[in-house]
Each structure stands twice: as C-alpha cells, then as structure tokens.
Amino acid sequence: MNIGELATIRIFRFDPETDKEPRYQEYLAPYQERTVLDVLRHIHENIDSTFSFRWACTKVYCRSCVVSVNGKPVLSCNDPAQKEMTIEPHPKFEIIKDLVVDFDRPKAWR
C-alpha cells in the first residue's frame, strides 16, 4: 500500500483522570471504501490499542458510535472515511475518555 492510499487521521486523546489537557495523536491508515468506524478499528487493532472509542451494532441502530469528524457530528459506522479526518468526541456530552462520552451527562451550557 502506498502513501497515497492512506488517510491522515488526528484522534482526540484525553483522560480526565490523568491528563491536564487534551491532545491529538496522528495516524496514517487506509480509508478508501471504509467507514470512519472501520478506520478507527483498523488503527486500534493494527497500530495503537491505547485509545478508547465506542461502538456496538455497526448498523446505524444503537448510535453508540457517535463522534465528531472535522467538526461535524456523525455516526462513525455509517459515515464514509475521508482522506483527512480529525476525530473528536461528540461535543454535546461530557468526556469519559478519548472518544467515549457519557450519554447520561450532557455538557452544561456555558
């Protein structure tokens, strides 16, 4: 696989229990004919298993895989992967760790 077939993926990293500030970690991963979830799973299974993300059904039913891609909330199991992606937790909810949010705790309006 050549570099032209790889996407640049920036993943939000933050553990409120140990980190003072969030950071982004960058990866190269295949993206063509894949969903955002496929890319996250590829990175987790083949490159870096230390980041946290959530998914369950892969069928747009459970909605547990919601994240923000390039500033837009999406269901990662349904949204096509792009050549360049910044993947962040959904901005409406409090962060548990990395891309995992607490659906029972919406962020307070500030």
PDB file of N, CA and C in Angstrom:
ATOM      1  N   MET A   1       0.850  -1.173   0.000  1.00  0.00           N
ATOM      2  CA  MET A   1       0.000   0.000   0.000  1.00  0.00           C
ATOM      3  C   MET A   1       0.896   1.237   0.000  1.00  0.00           C
ATOM      4  N   ASN A   2       0.620   2.156  -0.932  1.00  0.00           N
ATOM      5  CA  ASN A   2       1.457   3.352  -0.974  1.00  0.00           C
ATOM      6  C   ASN A   2       0.834   4.483  -0.158  1.00  0.00           C
ATOM      7  N   ILE A   3       1.616   5.499   0.086  1.00  0.00           N
ATOM      8  CA  ILE A   3       1.209   6.596   0.968  1.00  0.00           C
ATOM      9  C   ILE A   3      -0.034   7.316   0.442  1.00  0.00           C
ATOM     10  N   GLY A   4      -0.252   7.343  -0.863  1.00  0.00           N
ATOM     11  CA  GLY A   4      -1.425   7.990  -1.440  1.00  0.00           C
ATOM     12  C   GLY A   4      -2.732   7.303  -1.098  1.00  0.00           C
ATOM     13  N   GLU A   5      -2.644   6.050  -0.692  1.00  0.00           N
ATOM     14  CA  GLU A   5      -3.837   5.294  -0.332  1.00  0.00           C
ATOM     15  C   GLU A   5      -4.157   5.381   1.151  1.00  0.00           C
ATOM     16  N   LEU A   6      -3.375   6.168   1.887  1.00  0.00           N
ATOM     17  CA  LEU A   6      -3.560   6.292   3.327  1.00  0.00           C
ATOM     18  C   LEU A   6      -4.131   7.659   3.684  1.00  0.00           C
ATOM     19  N   ALA A   7      -4.980   7.666   4.673  1.00  0.00           N
ATOM     20  CA  ALA A   7      -5.547   8.911   5.191  1.00  0.00           C
ATOM     21  C   ALA A   7      -4.722   9.379   6.383  1.00  0.00           C
ATOM     22  N   THR A   8      -4.735  10.681   6.601  1.00  0.00           N
ATOM     23  CA  THR A   8      -4.148  11.258   7.804  1.00  0.00           C
ATOM     24  C   THR A   8      -5.283  11.421   8.809  1.00  0.00           C
ATOM     25  N   ILE A   9      -5.163  10.743   9.939  1.00  0.00           N
ATOM     26  CA  ILE A   9      -6.204  10.726  10.958  1.00  0.00           C
ATOM     27  C   ILE A   9      -5.653  11.347  12.234  1.00  0.00           C
ATOM     28  N   ARG A  10      -6.316  12.388  12.728  1.00  0.00           N
ATOM     29  CA  ARG A  10      -5.958  13.007  14.010  1.00  0.00           C
ATOM     30  C   ARG A  10      -7.040  12.615  15.006  1.00  0.00           C
ATOM     31  N   ILE A  11      -6.655  11.910  16.051  1.00  0.00           N
ATOM     32  CA  ILE A  11      -7.606  11.441  17.055  1.00  0.00           C
ATOM     33  C   ILE A  11      -7.409  12.201  18.361  1.00  0.00           C
ATOM     34  N   PHE A  12      -8.510  12.700  18.887  1.00  0.00           N
ATOM     35  CA  PHE A  12      -8.547  13.402  20.168  1.00  0.00           C
ATOM     36  C   PHE A  12      -8.218  12.411  21.277  1.00  0.00           C
ATOM     37  N   ARG A  13      -7.295  12.803  22.150  1.00  0.00           N
ATOM     38  CA  ARG A  13      -6.915  11.960  23.280  1.00  0.00           C
ATOM     39  C   ARG A  13      -7.060  12.769  24.561  1.00  0.00           C
ATOM     40  N   PHE A  14      -7.784  12.211  25.530  1.00  0.00           N
ATOM     41  CA  PHE A  14      -7.921  12.887  26.818  1.00  0.00           C
ATOM     42  C   PHE A  14      -8.524  11.929  27.830  1.00  0.00           C
ATOM     43  N   ASP A  15      -7.839  11.778  28.952  1.00  0.00           N
ATOM     44  CA  ASP A  15      -8.365  11.029  30.084  1.00  0.00           C
ATOM     45  C   ASP A  15      -8.467  12.007  31.247  1.00  0.00           C
ATOM     46  N   PRO A  16      -9.691  12.442  31.607  1.00  0.00           N
ATOM     47  CA  PRO A  16      -9.853  13.433  32.665  1.00  0.00           C
ATOM     48  C   PRO A  16      -9.238  13.038  34.001  1.00  0.00           C
ATOM     49  N   GLU A  17      -9.057  11.739  34.219  1.00  0.00           N
ATOM     50  CA  GLU A  17      -8.487  11.275  35.481  1.00  0.00           C
ATOM     51  C   GLU A  17      -6.970  11.461  35.553  1.00  0.00           C
ATOM     52  N   THR A  18      -6.292  11.540  34.397  1.00  0.00           N
ATOM     53  CA  THR A  18      -4.830  11.616  34.416  1.00  0.00           C
ATOM     54  C   THR A  18      -4.241  12.774  33.619  1.00  0.00           C
ATOM     55  N   ASP A  19      -4.974  13.289  32.641  1.00  0.00           N
ATOM     56  CA  ASP A  19      -4.445  14.342  31.772  1.00  0.00           C
ATOM     57  C   ASP A  19      -4.916  15.723  32.206  1.00  0.00           C
ATOM     58  N   LYS A  20      -4.023  16.694  32.080  1.00  0.00           N
ATOM     59  CA  LYS A  20      -4.401  18.079  32.379  1.00  0.00           C
ATOM     60  C   LYS A  20      -5.061  18.738  31.174  1.00  0.00           C
ATOM     61  N   GLU A  21      -4.586  18.393  29.988  1.00  0.00           N
ATOM     62  CA  GLU A  21      -5.080  18.993  28.742  1.00  0.00           C
ATOM     63  C   GLU A  21      -5.278  17.905  27.686  1.00  0.00           C
ATOM     64  N   PRO A  22      -6.250  18.102  26.809  1.00  0.00           N
ATOM     65  CA  PRO A  22      -6.394  17.167  25.690  1.00  0.00           C
ATOM     66  C   PRO A  22      -5.247  17.343  24.691  1.00  0.00           C
ATOM     67  N   ARG A  23      -5.049  16.328  23.879  1.00  0.00           N
ATOM     68  CA  ARG A  23      -4.040  16.374  22.825  1.00  0.00           C
ATOM     69  C   ARG A  23      -4.573  15.595  21.627  1.00  0.00           C
ATOM     70  N   TYR A  24      -3.870  15.654  20.528  1.00  0.00           N
ATOM     71  CA  TYR A  24      -4.250  14.905  19.332  1.00  0.00           C
ATOM     72  C   TYR A  24      -3.099  14.001  18.956  1.00  0.00           C
ATOM     73  N   GLN A  25      -3.448  12.805  18.518  1.00  0.00           N
ATOM     74  CA  GLN A  25      -2.443  11.861  18.058  1.00  0.00           C
ATOM     75  C   GLN A  25      -2.735  11.569  16.587  1.00  0.00           C
ATOM     76  N   GLU A  26      -1.703  11.571  15.770  1.00  0.00           N
ATOM     77  CA  GLU A  26      -1.878  11.425  14.324  1.00  0.00           C
ATOM     78  C   GLU A  26      -1.468  10.029  13.862  1.00  0.00           C
ATOM     79  N   TYR A  27      -2.256   9.500  12.918  1.00  0.00           N
ATOM     80  CA  TYR A  27      -2.021   8.168  12.361  1.00  0.00           C
ATOM     81  C   TYR A  27      -2.198   8.218  10.852  1.00  0.00           C
ATOM     82  N   LEU A  28      -1.610   7.262  10.164  1.00  0.00           N
ATOM     83  CA  LEU A  28      -1.873   7.016   8.752  1.00  0.00           C
ATOM     84  C   LEU A  28      -2.585   5.681   8.670  1.00  0.00           C
ATOM     85  N   ALA A  29      -3.692   5.649   7.914  1.00  0.00           N
ATOM     86  CA  ALA A  29      -4.473   4.417   7.829  1.00  0.00           C
ATOM     87  C   ALA A  29      -5.211   4.354   6.498  1.00  0.00           C
ATOM     88  N   PRO A  30      -5.489   3.142   6.000  1.00  0.00           N
ATOM     89  CA  PRO A  30      -6.292   3.017   4.789  1.00  0.00           C
ATOM     90  C   PRO A  30      -7.697   3.574   5.028  1.00  0.00           C
ATOM     91  N   TYR A  31      -8.265   4.196   4.003  1.00  0.00           N
ATOM     92  CA  TYR A  31      -9.575   4.816   4.185  1.00  0.00           C
ATOM     93  C   TYR A  31     -10.546   4.563   3.031  1.00  0.00           C
ATOM     94  N   GLN A  32     -10.048   4.217   1.874  1.00  0.00           N
ATOM     95  CA  GLN A  32     -10.921   4.069   0.716  1.00  0.00           C
ATOM     96  C   GLN A  32     -11.903   2.921   0.916  1.00  0.00           C
ATOM     97  N   GLU A  33     -13.176   3.212   0.600  1.00  0.00           N
ATOM     98  CA  GLU A  33     -14.263   2.233   0.738  1.00  0.00           C
ATOM     99  C   GLU A  33     -14.430   1.738   2.171  1.00  0.00           C
ATOM    100  N   ARG A  34     -14.133   2.612   3.139  1.00  0.00           N
ATOM    101  CA  ARG A  34     -14.274   2.285   4.559  1.00  0.00           C
ATOM    102  C   ARG A  34     -15.100   3.368   5.243  1.00  0.00           C
ATOM    103  N   THR A  35     -15.693   2.986   6.362  1.00  0.00           N
ATOM    104  CA  THR A  35     -16.380   3.971   7.199  1.00  0.00           C
ATOM    105  C   THR A  35     -15.376   4.533   8.211  1.00  0.00           C
ATOM    106  N   VAL A  36     -15.793   5.584   8.895  1.00  0.00           N
ATOM    107  CA  VAL A  36     -14.964   6.142   9.964  1.00  0.00           C
ATOM    108  C   VAL A  36     -14.708   5.064  11.017  1.00  0.00           C
ATOM    109  N   LEU A  37     -15.739   4.287  11.351  1.00  0.00           N
ATOM    110  CA  LEU A  37     -15.570   3.206  12.336  1.00  0.00           C
ATOM    111  C   LEU A  37     -14.564   2.174  11.848  1.00  0.00           C
ATOM    112  N   ASP A  38     -14.601   1.809  10.570  1.00  0.00           N
ATOM    113  CA  ASP A  38     -13.616   0.865  10.023  1.00  0.00           C
ATOM    114  C   ASP A  38     -12.200   1.386  10.242  1.00  0.00           C
ATOM    115  N   VAL A  39     -12.003   2.688  10.018  1.00  0.00           N
ATOM    116  CA  VAL A  39     -10.676   3.282  10.196  1.00  0.00           C
ATOM    117  C   VAL A  39     -10.266   3.254  11.669  1.00  0.00           C
ATOM    118  N   LEU A  40     -11.192   3.626  12.554  1.00  0.00           N
ATOM    119  CA  LEU A  40     -10.880   3.570  13.990  1.00  0.00           C
ATOM    120  C   LEU A  40     -10.511   2.154  14.421  1.00  0.00           C
ATOM    121  N   ARG A  41     -11.286   1.184  13.962  1.00  0.00           N
ATOM    122  CA  ARG A  41     -11.000  -0.217  14.322  1.00  0.00           C
ATOM    123  C   ARG A  41      -9.650  -0.661  13.755  1.00  0.00           C
ATOM    124  N   HIS A  42      -9.345  -0.259  12.524  1.00  0.00           N
ATOM    125  CA  HIS A  42      -8.049  -0.610  11.929  1.00  0.00           C
ATOM    126  C   HIS A  42      -6.902  -0.053  12.777  1.00  0.00           C
ATOM    127  N   ILE A  43      -7.007   1.214  13.134  1.00  0.00           N
ATOM    128  CA  ILE A  43      -5.954   1.830  13.948  1.00  0.00           C
ATOM    129  C   ILE A  43      -5.843   1.107  15.288  1.00  0.00           C
ATOM    130  N   HIS A  44      -6.976   0.852  15.927  1.00  0.00           N
ATOM    131  CA  HIS A  44      -6.979   0.203  17.246  1.00  0.00           C
ATOM    132  C   HIS A  44      -6.406  -1.215  17.187  1.00  0.00           C
ATOM    133  N   GLU A  45      -6.743  -1.954  16.141  1.00  0.00           N
ATOM    134  CA  GLU A  45      -6.308  -3.356  16.031  1.00  0.00           C
ATOM    135  C   GLU A  45      -4.901  -3.524  15.474  1.00  0.00           C
ATOM    136  N   ASN A  46      -4.413  -2.550  14.691  1.00  0.00           N
ATOM    137  CA  ASN A  46      -3.141  -2.741  13.993  1.00  0.00           C
ATOM    138  C   ASN A  46      -2.038  -1.749  14.338  1.00  0.00           C
ATOM    139  N   ILE A  47      -2.403  -0.610  14.920  1.00  0.00           N
ATOM    140  CA  ILE A  47      -1.393   0.428  15.141  1.00  0.00           C
ATOM    141  C   ILE A  47      -1.281   0.824  16.610  1.00  0.00           C
ATOM    142  N   ASP A  48      -2.420   1.124  17.252  1.00  0.00           N
ATOM    143  CA  ASP A  48      -2.393   1.658  18.612  1.00  0.00           C
ATOM    144  C   ASP A  48      -3.666   1.263  19.352  1.00  0.00           C
ATOM    145  N   SER A  49      -3.554   0.343  20.264  1.00  0.00           N
ATOM    146  CA  SER A  49      -4.731  -0.133  21.008  1.00  0.00           C
ATOM    147  C   SER A  49      -4.980   0.668  22.288  1.00  0.00           C
ATOM    148  N   THR A  50      -4.291   1.796  22.458  1.00  0.00           N
ATOM    149  CA  THR A  50      -4.418   2.530  23.716  1.00  0.00           C
ATOM    150  C   THR A  50      -5.532   3.573  23.736  1.00  0.00           C
ATOM    151  N   PHE A  51      -6.127   3.906  22.589  1.00  0.00           N
ATOM    152  CA  PHE A  51      -7.182   4.912  22.620  1.00  0.00           C
ATOM    153  C   PHE A  51      -8.550   4.247  22.771  1.00  0.00           C
ATOM    154  N   SER A  52      -9.483   5.004  23.361  1.00  0.00           N
ATOM    155  CA  SER A  52     -10.817   4.474  23.651  1.00  0.00           C
ATOM    156  C   SER A  52     -11.851   5.068  22.705  1.00  0.00           C
ATOM    157  N   PHE A  53     -12.723   4.206  22.206  1.00  0.00           N
ATOM    158  CA  PHE A  53     -13.857   4.618  21.400  1.00  0.00           C
ATOM    159  C   PHE A  53     -14.965   3.601  21.622  1.00  0.00           C
ATOM    160  N   ARG A  54     -16.171   3.957  21.216  1.00  0.00           N
ATOM    161  CA  ARG A  54     -17.322   3.097  21.487  1.00  0.00           C
ATOM    162  C   ARG A  54     -18.015   2.727  20.178  1.00  0.00           C
ATOM    163  N   TRP A  55     -18.455   1.468  20.099  1.00  0.00           N
ATOM    164  CA  TRP A  55     -19.290   1.004  19.005  1.00  0.00           C
ATOM    165  C   TRP A  55     -19.971  -0.275  19.452  1.00  0.00           C
ATOM    166  N   ALA A  56     -21.080  -0.610  18.806  1.00  0.00           N
ATOM    167  CA  ALA A  56     -21.797  -1.827  19.193  1.00  0.00           C
ATOM    168  C   ALA A  56     -22.358  -2.541  17.964  1.00  0.00           C
ATOM    169  N   CYS A  57     -23.376  -1.965  17.349  1.00  0.00           N
ATOM    170  CA  CYS A  57     -24.135  -2.706  16.341  1.00  0.00           C
ATOM    171  C   CYS A  57     -23.564  -2.635  14.927  1.00  0.00           C
ATOM    172  N   THR A  58     -22.866  -1.598  14.564  1.00  0.00           N
ATOM    173  CA  THR A  58     -22.356  -1.321  13.214  1.00  0.00           C
ATOM    174  C   THR A  58     -23.462  -1.181  12.168  1.00  0.00           C
ATOM    175  N   LYS A  59     -24.700  -0.995  12.588  1.00  0.00           N
ATOM    176  CA  LYS A  59     -25.845  -0.945  11.665  1.00  0.00           C
ATOM    177  C   LYS A  59     -26.672   0.332  11.789  1.00  0.00           C
ATOM    178  N   VAL A  60     -26.142   1.417  12.341  1.00  0.00           N
ATOM    179  CA  VAL A  60     -26.821   2.702  12.494  1.00  0.00           C
ATOM    180  C   VAL A  60     -28.035   2.583  13.420  1.00  0.00           C
ATOM    181  N   TYR A  61     -28.057   1.590  14.258  1.00  0.00           N
ATOM    182  CA  TYR A  61     -29.203   1.382  15.136  1.00  0.00           C
ATOM    183  C   TYR A  61     -28.950   1.911  16.549  1.00  0.00           C
ATOM    184  N   CYS A  62     -27.847   1.557  17.134  1.00  0.00           N
ATOM    185  CA  CYS A  62     -27.615   1.865  18.550  1.00  0.00           C
ATOM    186  C   CYS A  62     -27.137   3.294  18.786  1.00  0.00           C
ATOM    187  N   ARG A  63     -26.490   3.886  17.815  1.00  0.00           N
ATOM    188  CA  ARG A  63     -25.970   5.253  17.885  1.00  0.00           C
ATOM    189  C   ARG A  63     -24.857   5.440  18.921  1.00  0.00           C
ATOM    190  N   SER A  64     -24.287   4.363  19.404  1.00  0.00           N
ATOM    191  CA  SER A  64     -23.222   4.484  20.406  1.00  0.00           C
ATOM    192  C   SER A  64     -21.908   4.966  19.809  1.00  0.00           C
ATOM    193  N   CYS A  65     -21.786   4.920  18.488  1.00  0.00           N
ATOM    194  CA  CYS A  65     -20.520   5.261  17.835  1.00  0.00           C
ATOM    195  C   CYS A  65     -20.443   6.723  17.399  1.00  0.00           C
ATOM    196  N   VAL A  66     -21.332   7.561  17.915  1.00  0.00           N
ATOM    197  CA  VAL A  66     -21.351   8.964  17.502  1.00  0.00           C
ATOM    198  C   VAL A  66     -20.054   9.667  17.916  1.00  0.00           C
ATOM    199  N   VAL A  67     -19.455  10.364  16.947  1.00  0.00           N
ATOM    200  CA  VAL A  67     -18.253  11.164  17.162  1.00  0.00           C
ATOM    201  C   VAL A  67     -18.381  12.421  16.306  1.00  0.00           C
ATOM    202  N   SER A  68     -17.414  13.280  16.405  1.00  0.00           N
ATOM    203  CA  SER A  68     -17.357  14.457  15.552  1.00  0.00           C
ATOM    204  C   SER A  68     -16.189  14.280  14.584  1.00  0.00           C
ATOM    205  N   VAL A  69     -16.473  14.398  13.283  1.00  0.00           N
ATOM    206  CA  VAL A  69     -15.435  14.276  12.260  1.00  0.00           C
ATOM    207  C   VAL A  69     -15.331  15.611  11.534  1.00  0.00           C
ATOM    208  N   ASN A  70     -14.157  16.195  11.623  1.00  0.00           N
ATOM    209  CA  ASN A  70     -13.919  17.513  11.007  1.00  0.00           C
ATOM    210  C   ASN A  70     -14.989  18.517  11.428  1.00  0.00           C
ATOM    211  N   GLY A  71     -15.367  18.449  12.715  1.00  0.00           N
ATOM    212  CA  GLY A  71     -16.308  19.407  13.283  1.00  0.00           C
ATOM    213  C   GLY A  71     -17.776  19.085  13.100  1.00  0.00           C
ATOM    214  N   LYS A  72     -18.095  17.944  12.493  1.00  0.00           N
ATOM    215  CA  LYS A  72     -19.487  17.580  12.228  1.00  0.00           C
ATOM    216  C   LYS A  72     -19.837  16.278  12.961  1.00  0.00           C
ATOM    217  N   PRO A  73     -20.894  16.266  13.780  1.00  0.00           N
ATOM    218  CA  PRO A  73     -21.307  15.029  14.439  1.00  0.00           C
ATOM    219  C   PRO A  73     -21.775  13.990  13.413  1.00  0.00           C
ATOM    220  N   VAL A  74     -21.279  12.769  13.538  1.00  0.00           N
ATOM    221  CA  VAL A  74     -21.625  11.679  12.620  1.00  0.00           C
ATOM    222  C   VAL A  74     -21.729  10.366  13.398  1.00  0.00           C
ATOM    223  N   LEU A  75     -22.400   9.411  12.802  1.00  0.00           N
ATOM    224  CA  LEU A  75     -22.349   8.032  13.288  1.00  0.00           C
ATOM    225  C   LEU A  75     -21.179   7.381  12.561  1.00  0.00           C
ATOM    226  N   SER A  76     -20.162   7.002  13.286  1.00  0.00           N
ATOM    227  CA  SER A  76     -18.943   6.518  12.642  1.00  0.00           C
ATOM    228  C   SER A  76     -19.160   5.233  11.857  1.00  0.00           C
ATOM    229  N   CYS A  77     -20.187   4.458  12.202  1.00  0.00           N
ATOM    230  CA  CYS A  77     -20.445   3.215  11.476  1.00  0.00           C
ATOM    231  C   CYS A  77     -21.088   3.463  10.113  1.00  0.00           C
ATOM    232  N   ASN A  78     -21.550   4.690   9.875  1.00  0.00           N
ATOM    233  CA  ASN A  78     -22.279   4.990   8.642  1.00  0.00           C
ATOM    234  C   ASN A  78     -21.581   6.040   7.782  1.00  0.00           C
ATOM    235  N   ASP A  79     -20.724   6.845   8.356  1.00  0.00           N
ATOM    236  CA  ASP A  79     -20.106   7.947   7.636  1.00  0.00           C
ATOM    237  C   ASP A  79     -18.867   7.458   6.888  1.00  0.00           C
ATOM    238  N   PRO A  80     -18.746   7.785   5.599  1.00  0.00           N
ATOM    239  CA  PRO A  80     -17.564   7.347   4.854  1.00  0.00           C
ATOM    240  C   PRO A  80     -16.299   8.046   5.343  1.00  0.00           C
ATOM    241  N   ALA A  81     -15.228   7.305   5.374  1.00  0.00           N
ATOM    242  CA  ALA A  81     -13.936   7.867   5.765  1.00  0.00           C
ATOM    243  C   ALA A  81     -13.453   8.840   4.700  1.00  0.00           C
ATOM    244  N   GLN A  82     -12.681   9.831   5.141  1.00  0.00           N
ATOM    245  CA  GLN A  82     -12.140  10.850   4.250  1.00  0.00           C
ATOM    246  C   GLN A  82     -10.619  10.812   4.277  1.00  0.00           C
ATOM    247  N   LYS A  83     -10.007  11.427   3.294  1.00  0.00           N
ATOM    248  CA  LYS A  83      -8.545  11.442   3.168  1.00  0.00           C
ATOM    249  C   LYS A  83      -7.865  12.116   4.364  1.00  0.00           C
ATOM    250  N   GLU A  84      -8.510  13.141   4.930  1.00  0.00           N
ATOM    251  CA  GLU A  84      -8.008  13.800   6.141  1.00  0.00           C
ATOM    252  C   GLU A  84      -9.156  13.927   7.121  1.00  0.00           C
ATOM    253  N   MET A  85      -8.947  13.419   8.330  1.00  0.00           N
ATOM    254  CA  MET A  85     -10.001  13.475   9.344  1.00  0.00           C
ATOM    255  C   MET A  85      -9.421  13.838  10.694  1.00  0.00           C
ATOM    256  N   THR A  86     -10.118  14.744  11.375  1.00  0.00           N
ATOM    257  CA  THR A  86      -9.880  14.989  12.790  1.00  0.00           C
ATOM    258  C   THR A  86     -11.089  14.429  13.502  1.00  0.00           C
ATOM    259  N   ILE A  87     -10.859  13.434  14.349  1.00  0.00           N
ATOM    260  CA  ILE A  87     -11.955  12.740  15.021  1.00  0.00           C
ATOM    261  C   ILE A  87     -11.928  13.105  16.499  1.00  0.00           C
ATOM    262  N   GLU A  88     -13.069  13.638  16.955  1.00  0.00           N
ATOM    263  CA  GLU A  88     -13.198  14.115  18.329  1.00  0.00           C
ATOM    264  C   GLU A  88     -14.461  13.530  18.955  1.00  0.00           C
ATOM    265  N   PRO A  89     -14.575  13.594  20.278  1.00  0.00           N
ATOM    266  CA  PRO A  89     -15.814  13.142  20.918  1.00  0.00           C
ATOM    267  C   PRO A  89     -16.961  14.088  20.548  1.00  0.00           C
ATOM    268  N   HIS A  90     -18.187  13.574  20.608  1.00  0.00           N
ATOM    269  CA  HIS A  90     -19.346  14.419  20.331  1.00  0.00           C
ATOM    270  C   HIS A  90     -19.338  15.579  21.318  1.00  0.00           C
ATOM    271  N   PRO A  91     -19.480  16.815  20.834  1.00  0.00           N
ATOM    272  CA  PRO A  91     -19.326  17.979  21.713  1.00  0.00           C
ATOM    273  C   PRO A  91     -20.459  18.194  22.708  1.00  0.00           C
ATOM    274  N   LYS A  92     -21.553  17.487  22.570  1.00  0.00           N
ATOM    275  CA  LYS A  92     -22.713  17.706  23.446  1.00  0.00           C
ATOM    276  C   LYS A  92     -22.570  17.041  24.817  1.00  0.00           C
ATOM    277  N   PHE A  93     -21.683  16.044  24.919  1.00  0.00           N
ATOM    278  CA  PHE A  93     -21.605  15.237  26.136  1.00  0.00           C
ATOM    279  C   PHE A  93     -20.249  15.353  26.825  1.00  0.00           C
ATOM    280  N   GLU A  94     -20.261  15.074  28.123  1.00  0.00           N
ATOM    281  CA  GLU A  94     -19.025  15.054  28.905  1.00  0.00           C
ATOM    282  C   GLU A  94     -18.157  13.875  28.459  1.00  0.00           C
ATOM    283  N   ILE A  95     -16.862  14.096  28.476  1.00  0.00           N
ATOM    284  CA  ILE A  95     -15.908  13.077  28.034  1.00  0.00           C
ATOM    285  C   ILE A  95     -15.610  12.107  29.170  1.00  0.00           C
ATOM    286  N   ILE A  96     -15.680  10.828  28.862  1.00  0.00           N
ATOM    287  CA  ILE A  96     -15.232   9.796  29.798  1.00  0.00           C
ATOM    288  C   ILE A  96     -13.747   9.540  29.557  1.00  0.00           C
ATOM    289  N   LYS A  97     -13.401   9.242  28.303  1.00  0.00           N
ATOM    290  CA  LYS A  97     -12.001   9.061  27.908  1.00  0.00           C
ATOM    291  C   LYS A  97     -11.921   9.059  26.388  1.00  0.00           C
ATOM    292  N   ASP A  98     -10.992   9.798  25.851  1.00  0.00           N
ATOM    293  CA  ASP A  98     -10.749   9.891  24.412  1.00  0.00           C
ATOM    294  C   ASP A  98     -12.053  10.185  23.653  1.00  0.00           C
ATOM    295  N   LEU A  99     -12.532   9.244  22.849  1.00  0.00           N
ATOM    296  CA  LEU A  99     -13.747   9.470  22.057  1.00  0.00           C
ATOM    297  C   LEU A  99     -15.018   8.988  22.753  1.00  0.00           C
ATOM    298  N   VAL A 100     -14.885   8.433  23.935  1.00  0.00           N
ATOM    299  CA  VAL A 100     -16.035   7.900  24.678  1.00  0.00           C
ATOM    300  C   VAL A 100     -16.663   9.019  25.506  1.00  0.00           C
ATOM    301  N   VAL A 101     -17.979   9.194  25.335  1.00  0.00           N
ATOM    302  CA  VAL A 101     -18.707  10.227  26.077  1.00  0.00           C
ATOM    303  C   VAL A 101     -19.760   9.587  26.972  1.00  0.00           C
ATOM    304  N   ASP A 102     -20.224  10.365  27.935  1.00  0.00           N
ATOM    305  CA  ASP A 102     -21.264   9.925  28.864  1.00  0.00           C
ATOM    306  C   ASP A 102     -22.611  10.441  28.358  1.00  0.00           C
ATOM    307  N   PHE A 103     -23.396   9.565  27.749  1.00  0.00           N
ATOM    308  CA  PHE A 103     -24.686   9.963  27.178  1.00  0.00           C
ATOM    309  C   PHE A 103     -25.678  10.418  28.248  1.00  0.00           C
ATOM    310  N   ASP A 104     -25.426  10.072  29.487  1.00  0.00           N
ATOM    311  CA  ASP A 104     -26.304  10.498  30.584  1.00  0.00           C
ATOM    312  C   ASP A 104     -25.926  11.865  31.132  1.00  0.00           C
ATOM    313  N   ARG A 105     -24.813  12.437  30.662  1.00  0.00           N
ATOM    314  CA  ARG A 105     -24.348  13.725  31.182  1.00  0.00           C
ATOM    315  C   ARG A 105     -24.082  14.710  30.054  1.00  0.00           C
ATOM    316  N   PRO A 106     -25.126  15.363  29.543  1.00  0.00           N
ATOM    317  CA  PRO A 106     -24.879  16.408  28.545  1.00  0.00           C
ATOM    318  C   PRO A 106     -24.071  17.533  29.180  1.00  0.00           C
ATOM    319  N   LYS A 107     -23.271  18.177  28.366  1.00  0.00           N
ATOM    320  CA  LYS A 107     -22.493  19.310  28.860  1.00  0.00           C
ATOM    321  C   LYS A 107     -23.440  20.425  29.260  1.00  0.00           C
ATOM    322  N   ALA A 108     -23.108  21.097  30.339  1.00  0.00           N
ATOM    323  CA  ALA A 108     -23.893  22.249  30.769  1.00  0.00           C
ATOM    324  C   ALA A 108     -23.621  23.395  29.793  1.00  0.00           C
ATOM    325  N   TRP A 109     -24.632  24.151  29.503  1.00  0.00           N
ATOM    326  CA  TRP A 109     -24.455  25.318  28.631  1.00  0.00           C
ATOM    327  C   TRP A 109     -23.588  26.326  29.348  1.00  0.00           C
ATOM    328  N   ARG A 110     -22.583  26.799  28.702  1.00  0.00           N
ATOM    329  CA  ARG A 110     -21.642  27.742  29.317  1.00  0.00           C
ATOM    330  C   ARG A 110     -21.796  29.088  28.685  1.00  0.00           C
TER     331      ARG A 110
END
